[in-house]
Amino acid sequence: MSETEKVAEALKKAAADGKISCTAARRLAGELQVSPRVVGQLCNELKIRIKACELGCFK
C-alpha cells in the first residue's frame, strides 16, 4: 500500500460522516508524517469537507 493510499484510508476512517475538523486533519498529518497539504489535497479528492478551520477559511 502506498503512502497516499494509507493517508486516504486513515482519512476515510477519521471522516466517516464526510467531514473532518482542521485540528483532526493536522493531527492525522503529524501521525502519518506527511504535510498538511497532502491531507488537504486528499480531502479535496475524496470530497471530505474540512470543518472548524483554525484560520476561519472553511465553515
Protein backbone atom coordinates (compact mmCIF):
# COMPACT_ATOMS: atom_id res chain seq x y z
CA MET A 1 0.00 0.00 0.00
CA SER A 2 1.41 3.39 -0.99
CA GLU A 3 1.74 6.34 1.37
CA THR A 4 -1.12 8.11 -0.41
CA GLU A 5 -3.36 5.06 -0.01
CA LYS A 6 -2.52 4.86 3.69
CA VAL A 7 -3.39 8.52 4.19
CA ALA A 8 -6.61 8.15 2.18
CA GLU A 9 -7.64 5.13 4.25
CA ALA A 10 -6.94 6.96 7.52
CA LEU A 11 -8.91 9.99 6.28
CA LYS A 12 -11.91 7.87 5.35
CA LYS A 13 -11.94 6.36 8.84
CA ALA A 14 -11.49 9.74 10.57
CA ALA A 15 -14.16 11.40 8.43
CA ALA A 16 -16.84 8.71 8.41
CA ASP A 17 -19.52 11.39 8.04
CA GLY A 18 -17.66 13.13 5.19
CA LYS A 19 -16.27 15.88 7.43
CA ILE A 20 -13.10 16.33 9.47
CA SER A 21 -12.04 19.19 11.69
CA CYS A 22 -8.95 21.16 10.81
CA THR A 23 -7.38 20.11 14.10
CA ALA A 24 -8.01 16.42 13.41
CA ALA A 25 -6.67 16.70 9.86
CA ARG A 26 -3.46 18.38 11.07
CA ARG A 27 -3.08 15.77 13.83
CA LEU A 28 -3.52 12.99 11.27
CA ALA A 29 -0.85 14.56 9.05
CA GLY A 30 1.54 14.59 12.00
CA GLU A 31 0.79 10.99 12.96
CA LEU A 32 1.31 9.81 9.38
CA GLN A 33 4.35 12.07 8.92
CA VAL A 34 3.03 13.84 5.82
CA SER A 35 2.49 17.53 5.22
CA PRO A 36 -0.92 19.04 5.97
CA ARG A 37 -1.05 19.94 2.26
CA VAL A 38 -1.11 16.21 1.35
CA VAL A 39 -4.03 15.66 3.72
CA GLY A 40 -5.82 18.71 2.32
CA GLN A 41 -5.36 17.57 -1.28
CA LEU A 42 -6.71 14.13 -0.43
CA CYS A 43 -9.67 15.70 1.36
CA ASN A 44 -10.47 17.51 -1.89
CA GLU A 45 -10.10 14.33 -3.96
CA LEU A 46 -12.22 12.28 -1.55
CA LYS A 47 -14.85 15.04 -1.20
CA ILE A 48 -14.20 15.31 2.55
CA ARG A 49 -15.11 18.72 3.94
CA ILE A 50 -12.88 20.47 6.45
CA LYS A 51 -14.85 21.98 9.33
CA ALA A 52 -13.82 24.22 12.21
CA CYS A 53 -10.89 25.64 10.27
CA GLU A 54 -8.28 27.19 12.52
CA LEU A 55 -7.86 30.06 10.04
CA GLY A 56 -11.58 30.61 9.53
CA CYS A 57 -11.39 29.65 5.85
CA PHE A 58 -13.95 26.84 5.97
CA LYS A 59 -17.19 26.59 7.90
